[in-house]
Amino acid sequence: MSTDRAPAAERPRLVRDRLTLTLYAPFITWGWFLYGFSPAVPLIADEQGITRGQAGLHGTAMACGTIAAGLVSSHVARRFGRKNQAILGGVVLCAGIVLLLTGATLPATLVACLVTAVGGNLMISAAQPALSVHNGAAGPAAVTEANAMGAMVGLLAPLALGAAVGSGLGWRPAVALVAVLAVAAALLLLPIKVDGAMGRGSVSRAVATAADGSTTAPSRGFSGTFWFFWVAMLCGVAIEFATTFWASDLLAQRTDAPPALAAASISALVAGMTLSRLVVGPLSTRKAPEKILLVGFALAGAGWLLFWLATSPWLAVAGLVLAGLGYGTHYPLTISLTLRASDGRPDEAQARASVGTGAAVAVAPFLLGTLADSFGAHQAFLLVPVLIVIGGVAVALGLRSVHRR
């Protein structure tokens, strides 16, 4: 039977019950931090009197925190359950935010970013497997919609940052809202029982359930299908962060746009990603997520080409919107497919995904920046289509592997 479209009676249905909606809260919290803190980094550099290169180490610290969370998240889930892991992550995140708000030196804020990233990724590493387990075959739709909520709320963070800075309050009030959101997420999670999808991750090791209802005993290692989608996920994350770090620099060089417009252009990319995720979530219950991903990588390539060739600011912005429509499919669908291919071990799969994500965040922007130093930003951006091709091929191989299995 084709995976393009299932009969209406067999289509998975996303049910937005209390647990599903509650699990959106960690994504909203983390989305606010990601899109609110990044524009604040230049302000921190000016405040501390450090170079832009030194300020970029905040991203490296966040990547290290992501990897650290990936190394321990599955063990925490098995020992304490996903509910307690998410709450623990919120506590750690709040501690990191306090350190960040009070830090006055580069070492202090780097440590704060690492702690914050550990906490935020512990929350996400609990929420994503829980959503996948709770929603079954509709897991990709739930995970995609949760990421869409994070991106949509995250769009407001730069506006709040700008308003705070414009009123003379500085960057801290906007970033402090992350702690408020984390506390709200923890309070929403407290009444949830520690069982089922929110229970210990080890319960998921007993049996793997396929979308058609069949069950298989999990193997000790992950299948080739898992690793194909894992590679695609790494490429998607690398593409997104390399673009968000350096697109404004290329736009300014190629179009002579003023710095304010160049910096604001990243909102066009995030807007495209948000719209994409809002559409792809429901669509993934009717169409094969692997094939939606292939379309997403194709859209990313088309958007990159338009942006790369543009010499007008508005044409470049249009390219970023188009690229965002493709980028928006990458992480939520690849992580959903890796969880689905985990042979009943979503927490272990999530842990490996977090380690890979952290590595991609640490390496991709640095690699593109290094290439830009040697060959110029325009030539360096050729790294992006290379990653798009590798990611698309990995998805195609993963789809082929799914058919074989």
Protein backbone atom coordinates (compact mmCIF):
# COMPACT_ATOMS: atom_id res chain seq x y z
CA MET A 1 0.00 0.00 0.00
CA SER A 2 1.32 3.46 -0.85
CA THR A 3 2.43 5.64 2.03
CA ASP A 4 1.18 8.73 0.19
CA ARG A 5 -2.32 8.68 1.57
CA ALA A 6 -4.09 6.33 3.94
CA PRO A 7 -7.85 5.66 3.86
CA ALA A 8 -9.75 8.13 6.04
CA ALA A 9 -10.61 5.45 8.60
CA GLU A 10 -6.93 4.58 9.04
CA ARG A 11 -5.50 8.09 9.22
CA PRO A 12 -3.94 8.98 12.58
CA ARG A 13 -5.71 11.79 14.37
CA LEU A 14 -4.01 14.36 16.57
CA VAL A 15 -6.03 14.81 19.75
CA ARG A 16 -5.18 18.04 21.52
CA ASP A 17 -6.05 16.81 24.98
CA ARG A 18 -4.82 18.27 28.26
CA LEU A 19 -1.54 16.36 28.27
CA THR A 20 -0.68 17.26 24.67
CA LEU A 21 -1.35 20.96 25.24
CA THR A 22 0.55 20.90 28.55
CA LEU A 23 3.57 19.43 26.79
CA TYR A 24 3.61 22.39 24.41
CA ALA A 25 4.70 24.61 27.34
CA PRO A 26 8.38 23.47 27.35
CA PHE A 27 8.63 24.28 23.62
CA ILE A 28 7.19 27.76 24.20
CA THR A 29 9.67 28.33 27.03
CA TRP A 30 12.68 27.19 25.01
CA GLY A 31 11.53 29.02 21.87
CA TRP A 32 11.40 32.29 23.78
CA PHE A 33 14.95 31.78 25.02
CA LEU A 34 16.40 30.77 21.64
CA TYR A 35 14.92 33.68 19.70
CA GLY A 36 15.17 36.23 22.54
CA PHE A 37 18.71 35.55 23.70
CA SER A 38 20.45 35.34 20.31
CA PRO A 39 19.77 39.02 19.39
CA ALA A 40 20.93 39.97 22.89
CA VAL A 41 24.44 38.54 22.38
CA PRO A 42 25.81 41.69 20.63
CA LEU A 43 24.39 43.77 23.52
CA ILE A 44 26.17 41.51 26.01
CA ALA A 45 29.38 41.93 23.98
CA ASP A 46 29.10 45.72 24.22
CA GLU A 47 28.27 45.55 27.92
CA GLN A 48 31.26 43.33 28.73
CA GLY A 49 33.62 45.01 26.27
CA ILE A 50 34.43 41.76 24.44
CA THR A 51 34.87 40.97 20.75
CA ARG A 52 32.17 39.48 18.56
CA GLY A 53 34.24 36.30 18.35
CA GLN A 54 34.30 36.00 22.12
CA ALA A 55 30.58 36.70 22.26
CA GLY A 56 30.03 33.86 19.79
CA LEU A 57 31.30 31.48 22.46
CA HIS A 58 27.85 31.79 24.07
CA GLY A 59 26.53 29.67 21.20
CA THR A 60 29.29 27.13 21.77
CA ALA A 61 28.41 26.99 25.47
CA MET A 62 24.77 26.34 24.57
CA ALA A 63 25.84 23.55 22.22
CA CYS A 64 27.90 21.97 25.00
CA GLY A 65 24.89 22.17 27.29
CA THR A 66 22.77 20.45 24.66
CA ILE A 67 25.30 17.62 24.35
CA ALA A 68 25.53 17.30 28.14
CA ALA A 69 21.74 17.01 28.39
CA GLY A 70 21.78 14.35 25.68
CA LEU A 71 24.33 12.29 27.61
CA VAL A 72 22.13 12.09 30.71
CA SER A 73 18.52 12.58 29.57
CA SER A 74 17.64 8.92 28.91
CA HIS A 75 19.09 7.90 32.29
CA VAL A 76 17.08 10.60 34.05
CA ALA A 77 13.91 9.52 32.24
CA ARG A 78 14.40 5.88 33.21
CA ARG A 79 15.18 6.73 36.83
CA PHE A 80 12.65 9.48 37.56
CA GLY A 81 10.12 9.51 34.71
CA ARG A 82 9.56 12.08 31.99
CA LYS A 83 7.34 14.32 34.14
CA ASN A 84 10.02 14.72 36.80
CA GLN A 85 12.69 15.14 34.13
CA ALA A 86 10.75 18.03 32.58
CA ILE A 87 10.27 19.70 35.97
CA LEU A 88 13.94 19.17 36.86
CA GLY A 89 14.88 20.71 33.52
CA GLY A 90 12.76 23.75 34.33
CA VAL A 91 14.53 24.19 37.68
CA VAL A 92 17.96 23.94 36.05
CA LEU A 93 16.90 26.36 33.32
CA CYS A 94 15.74 28.91 35.91
CA ALA A 95 19.07 28.58 37.71
CA GLY A 96 20.86 29.25 34.42
CA ILE A 97 18.74 32.33 33.73
CA VAL A 98 19.51 33.73 37.20
CA LEU A 99 23.22 33.21 36.54
CA LEU A 100 22.86 34.89 33.15
CA LEU A 101 21.01 37.91 34.50
CA THR A 102 23.54 38.44 37.29
CA GLY A 103 26.68 37.59 35.30
CA ALA A 104 28.95 40.51 34.51
CA THR A 105 31.93 38.75 32.94
CA LEU A 106 32.39 36.44 29.95
CA PRO A 107 33.17 33.29 32.02
CA ALA A 108 30.07 33.90 34.14
CA THR A 109 27.69 34.26 31.19
CA LEU A 110 29.27 31.30 29.36
CA VAL A 111 28.62 29.07 32.38
CA ALA A 112 25.10 30.50 32.57
CA CYS A 113 24.44 29.60 28.92
CA LEU A 114 25.70 26.07 29.45
CA VAL A 115 23.47 25.56 32.52
CA THR A 116 20.47 27.11 30.74
CA ALA A 117 20.95 24.82 27.74
CA VAL A 118 21.17 21.74 29.97
CA GLY A 119 17.88 22.68 31.63
CA GLY A 120 16.06 23.61 28.44
CA ASN A 121 17.12 20.46 26.64
CA LEU A 122 16.16 18.26 29.58
CA MET A 123 12.67 19.74 29.27
CA ILE A 124 12.52 19.16 25.52
CA SER A 125 14.06 15.69 25.85
CA ALA A 126 11.19 14.74 28.14
CA ALA A 127 8.43 16.46 26.17
CA GLN A 128 9.23 15.14 22.68
CA PRO A 129 9.24 11.40 23.54
CA ALA A 130 6.17 11.92 25.72
CA LEU A 131 4.31 13.57 22.84
CA SER A 132 5.40 10.80 20.48
CA VAL A 133 4.33 8.01 22.85
CA HIS A 134 1.08 9.71 23.87
CA ASN A 135 -0.05 10.46 20.31
CA GLY A 136 1.09 7.20 18.68
CA ALA A 137 0.87 7.37 14.90
CA ALA A 138 -0.02 11.08 15.17
CA GLY A 139 3.27 11.70 17.01
CA PRO A 140 4.92 13.57 14.09
CA ALA A 141 1.94 15.94 13.96
CA ALA A 142 2.12 16.59 17.72
CA VAL A 143 5.88 17.15 17.75
CA THR A 144 5.70 19.42 14.70
CA GLU A 145 2.87 21.48 16.19
CA ALA A 146 4.73 21.78 19.50
CA ASN A 147 7.79 23.12 17.68
CA ALA A 148 5.51 25.49 15.77
CA MET A 149 4.18 26.88 19.05
CA GLY A 150 7.74 27.45 20.23
CA ALA A 151 8.69 29.26 17.03
CA MET A 152 5.48 31.31 16.95
CA VAL A 153 5.88 32.58 20.51
CA GLY A 154 9.60 32.98 19.85
CA LEU A 155 8.78 35.55 17.18
CA LEU A 156 7.61 37.88 19.96
CA ALA A 157 10.87 37.60 21.90
CA PRO A 158 12.96 39.93 19.65
CA LEU A 159 10.12 42.47 19.79
CA ALA A 160 10.09 42.30 23.59
CA LEU A 161 13.88 42.65 23.59
CA GLY A 162 13.71 45.70 21.34
CA ALA A 163 11.01 47.28 23.50
CA ALA A 164 13.03 46.70 26.67
CA VAL A 165 16.20 48.12 25.14
CA GLY A 166 14.32 51.06 23.63
CA SER A 167 12.84 51.95 27.01
CA GLY A 168 16.27 51.96 28.63
CA LEU A 169 15.80 48.74 30.60
CA GLY A 170 18.39 46.76 28.63
CA TRP A 171 18.23 43.15 27.52
CA ARG A 172 17.60 41.51 30.89
CA PRO A 173 13.81 41.93 31.27
CA ALA A 174 13.10 40.12 27.98
CA VAL A 175 15.42 37.24 28.86
CA ALA A 176 14.03 37.08 32.41
CA LEU A 177 10.63 36.13 30.97
CA VAL A 178 12.15 32.72 30.16
CA ALA A 179 12.18 31.91 33.88
CA VAL A 180 8.54 32.99 34.20
CA LEU A 181 7.57 30.68 31.35
CA ALA A 182 9.60 27.81 32.87
CA VAL A 183 7.81 28.19 36.20
CA ALA A 184 4.44 28.26 34.43
CA ALA A 185 5.36 25.08 32.51
CA ALA A 186 6.36 23.32 35.75
CA LEU A 187 3.10 24.33 37.44
CA LEU A 188 1.13 22.93 34.51
CA LEU A 189 3.05 19.65 34.73
CA LEU A 190 2.67 19.17 38.50
CA PRO A 191 -0.89 17.71 38.41
CA ILE A 192 0.04 15.21 35.67
CA LYS A 193 0.44 11.62 36.90
CA VAL A 194 3.84 9.95 36.58
CA ASP A 195 2.64 7.11 34.40
CA GLY A 196 1.99 6.30 30.75
CA ALA A 197 3.69 8.76 28.43
CA MET A 198 4.94 10.78 31.41
CA GLY A 199 6.29 7.75 33.29
CA ARG A 200 9.70 6.18 33.27
CA GLY A 201 11.31 5.88 29.88
CA SER A 202 12.26 2.27 30.55
CA VAL A 203 8.67 1.16 30.04
CA SER A 204 9.03 2.00 26.36
CA ARG A 205 11.80 -0.57 25.97
CA ALA A 206 9.47 -3.53 26.41
CA VAL A 207 7.84 -3.42 23.01
CA ALA A 208 7.85 -1.32 19.87
CA THR A 209 4.49 -0.45 18.33
CA ALA A 210 4.24 0.35 14.64
CA ALA A 211 1.70 2.68 13.07
CA ASP A 212 -0.33 -0.30 11.83
CA GLY A 213 -0.68 -1.67 15.37
CA SER A 214 1.82 -4.50 15.03
CA THR A 215 4.41 -4.99 17.76
CA THR A 216 8.01 -6.13 17.76
CA ALA A 217 10.55 -6.70 20.50
CA PRO A 218 13.21 -3.97 20.48
CA SER A 219 16.73 -4.79 19.42
CA ARG A 220 19.78 -3.72 21.40
CA GLY A 221 21.01 -1.36 18.69
CA PHE A 222 19.27 1.11 16.45
CA SER A 223 18.36 0.21 12.90
CA GLY A 224 19.71 1.71 9.72
CA THR A 225 16.39 3.53 9.36
CA PHE A 226 17.06 5.36 12.62
CA TRP A 227 20.55 6.46 11.55
CA PHE A 228 19.36 7.70 8.13
CA PHE A 229 16.85 10.02 9.80
CA TRP A 230 19.42 10.95 12.46
CA VAL A 231 21.81 12.13 9.74
CA ALA A 232 18.99 14.08 8.10
CA MET A 233 18.23 15.70 11.45
CA LEU A 234 21.88 16.76 11.88
CA CYS A 235 21.86 18.32 8.41
CA GLY A 236 18.59 20.14 9.12
CA VAL A 237 19.87 21.58 12.40
CA ALA A 238 23.21 22.54 10.82
CA ILE A 239 21.41 24.28 7.93
CA GLU A 240 19.12 26.23 10.28
CA PHE A 241 21.82 27.47 12.66
CA ALA A 242 24.40 28.23 9.97
CA THR A 243 21.77 30.37 8.23
CA THR A 244 20.50 32.16 11.34
CA PHE A 245 24.06 33.00 12.43
CA TRP A 246 25.34 34.37 9.10
CA ALA A 247 22.43 35.21 6.76
CA SER A 248 22.24 38.80 7.98
CA ASP A 249 25.96 39.24 7.26
CA LEU A 250 25.59 37.97 3.69
CA LEU A 251 22.45 40.04 3.12
CA ALA A 252 24.25 43.21 4.24
CA GLN A 253 27.23 42.50 1.98
CA ARG A 254 25.24 41.57 -1.12
CA THR A 255 22.42 44.14 -0.93
CA ASP A 256 23.99 47.03 1.02
CA ALA A 257 21.06 46.83 3.44
CA PRO A 258 21.43 48.84 6.67
CA PRO A 259 22.43 46.82 9.74
CA ALA A 260 18.98 47.11 11.35
CA LEU A 261 17.25 45.62 8.31
CA ALA A 262 19.88 42.92 7.95
CA ALA A 263 19.47 41.86 11.57
CA ALA A 264 15.67 41.92 11.35
CA SER A 265 15.73 39.75 8.21
CA ILE A 266 16.16 36.63 10.36
CA SER A 267 12.56 37.16 11.47
CA ALA A 268 11.56 36.36 7.87
CA LEU A 269 13.25 32.97 8.15
CA VAL A 270 11.58 32.23 11.50
CA ALA A 271 8.21 33.37 10.16
CA GLY A 272 8.52 30.94 7.26
CA MET A 273 9.47 28.15 9.65
CA THR A 274 6.50 28.91 11.91
CA LEU A 275 4.02 28.91 9.04
CA SER A 276 5.51 25.69 7.70
CA ARG A 277 5.16 23.88 11.01
CA LEU A 278 1.58 25.01 11.49
CA VAL A 279 0.71 23.51 8.10
CA VAL A 280 2.92 20.42 8.25
CA GLY A 281 1.60 19.23 11.62
CA PRO A 282 -1.92 18.39 10.40
CA LEU A 283 -0.61 17.44 6.95
CA SER A 284 1.63 14.73 8.42
CA THR A 285 -1.46 12.79 9.55
CA ARG A 286 -2.55 12.47 5.91
CA LYS A 287 0.70 12.27 3.97
CA ALA A 288 3.88 10.29 4.64
CA PRO A 289 6.17 12.50 6.79
CA GLU A 290 9.20 11.22 4.86
CA LYS A 291 7.80 12.60 1.62
CA ILE A 292 6.88 15.90 3.26
CA LEU A 293 10.50 16.08 4.40
CA LEU A 294 11.76 15.57 0.87
CA VAL A 295 9.58 18.49 -0.25
CA GLY A 296 10.95 20.49 2.70
CA PHE A 297 14.55 19.94 1.65
CA ALA A 298 13.61 20.92 -1.92
CA LEU A 299 11.97 24.15 -0.70
CA ALA A 300 15.03 24.87 1.41
CA GLY A 301 17.20 24.55 -1.69
CA ALA A 302 14.96 26.85 -3.71
CA GLY A 303 14.88 29.44 -0.93
CA TRP A 304 18.64 29.27 -0.48
CA LEU A 305 19.18 29.83 -4.23
CA LEU A 306 16.88 32.86 -4.29
CA PHE A 307 18.60 34.32 -1.22
CA TRP A 308 22.10 33.55 -2.50
CA LEU A 309 21.52 35.19 -5.88
CA ALA A 310 19.61 38.22 -4.53
CA THR A 311 21.11 41.68 -4.78
CA SER A 312 17.96 43.41 -3.53
CA PRO A 313 17.10 43.33 0.20
CA TRP A 314 13.46 42.44 -0.39
CA LEU A 315 14.33 39.65 -2.80
CA ALA A 316 16.76 38.27 -0.21
CA VAL A 317 14.03 38.46 2.44
CA ALA A 318 11.67 36.59 0.11
CA GLY A 319 14.35 33.92 -0.27
CA LEU A 320 14.60 33.60 3.51
CA VAL A 321 10.83 33.19 3.83
CA LEU A 322 10.87 30.46 1.17
CA ALA A 323 13.85 28.79 2.82
CA GLY A 324 12.03 28.97 6.16
CA LEU A 325 9.08 27.07 4.69
CA GLY A 326 11.50 24.24 4.00
CA TYR A 327 13.59 24.60 7.16
CA GLY A 328 10.43 24.37 9.28
CA THR A 329 9.92 20.74 8.27
CA HIS A 330 13.44 19.58 9.06
CA TYR A 331 13.82 19.26 12.81
CA PRO A 332 10.29 18.31 13.93
CA LEU A 333 9.83 15.66 11.25
CA THR A 334 13.33 14.19 11.45
CA ILE A 335 13.17 13.94 15.25
CA SER A 336 9.71 12.36 14.98
CA LEU A 337 11.00 9.80 12.49
CA THR A 338 14.04 8.97 14.63
CA LEU A 339 11.74 8.44 17.61
CA ARG A 340 9.48 6.25 15.49
CA ALA A 341 12.47 4.18 14.34
CA SER A 342 13.80 3.74 17.90
CA ASP A 343 12.39 0.21 18.32
CA GLY A 344 10.45 1.21 21.42
CA ARG A 345 13.24 3.29 23.01
CA PRO A 346 12.28 6.92 22.37
CA ASP A 347 14.27 8.28 25.33
CA GLU A 348 17.51 6.71 24.10
CA ALA A 349 16.73 7.99 20.61
CA GLN A 350 16.07 11.48 21.98
CA ALA A 351 19.38 11.36 23.89
CA ARG A 352 21.32 10.55 20.73
CA ALA A 353 19.40 13.24 18.89
CA SER A 354 20.35 15.82 21.53
CA VAL A 355 24.03 14.91 21.29
CA GLY A 356 23.89 15.19 17.51
CA THR A 357 21.96 18.47 17.65
CA GLY A 358 24.51 19.98 20.02
CA ALA A 359 27.36 18.92 17.77
CA ALA A 360 25.65 20.40 14.71
CA VAL A 361 25.02 23.70 16.52
CA ALA A 362 28.64 23.83 17.65
CA VAL A 363 30.21 22.97 14.29
CA ALA A 364 28.03 24.38 11.48
CA PRO A 365 28.10 28.13 12.28
CA PHE A 366 31.81 27.93 13.13
CA LEU A 367 32.58 26.09 9.88
CA LEU A 368 30.62 28.54 7.74
CA GLY A 369 32.26 31.48 9.54
CA THR A 370 35.70 29.98 8.98
CA LEU A 371 34.95 29.48 5.28
CA ALA A 372 33.72 33.07 5.10
CA ASP A 373 37.03 34.30 6.53
CA SER A 374 38.92 32.39 3.83
CA PHE A 375 36.65 32.72 0.78
CA GLY A 376 34.06 35.37 1.61
CA ALA A 377 30.50 34.99 2.91
CA HIS A 378 28.98 34.47 -0.56
CA GLN A 379 31.18 31.50 -1.40
CA ALA A 380 30.98 30.14 2.16
CA PHE A 381 27.20 29.86 1.88
CA LEU A 382 27.70 27.08 -0.68
CA LEU A 383 28.01 24.88 2.42
CA VAL A 384 24.23 25.12 2.85
CA PRO A 385 23.21 23.39 -0.42
CA VAL A 386 25.77 20.66 0.27
CA LEU A 387 24.04 19.98 3.59
CA ILE A 388 20.64 20.14 1.89
CA VAL A 389 21.67 17.46 -0.61
CA ILE A 390 23.11 15.21 2.09
CA GLY A 391 19.98 15.63 4.21
CA GLY A 392 17.66 14.94 1.29
CA VAL A 393 19.58 11.81 0.30
CA ALA A 394 19.46 10.58 3.91
CA VAL A 395 15.67 11.04 3.99
CA ALA A 396 15.31 9.18 0.67
CA LEU A 397 17.39 6.30 2.02
CA GLY A 398 15.35 6.32 5.23
CA LEU A 399 12.13 6.12 3.23
CA ARG A 400 13.52 3.24 1.21
CA SER A 401 14.52 1.49 4.43
CA VAL A 402 10.99 1.96 5.84
CA HIS A 403 9.52 0.29 2.73
CA ARG A 404 11.95 -2.60 3.05
CA ARG A 405 11.13 -3.12 6.74
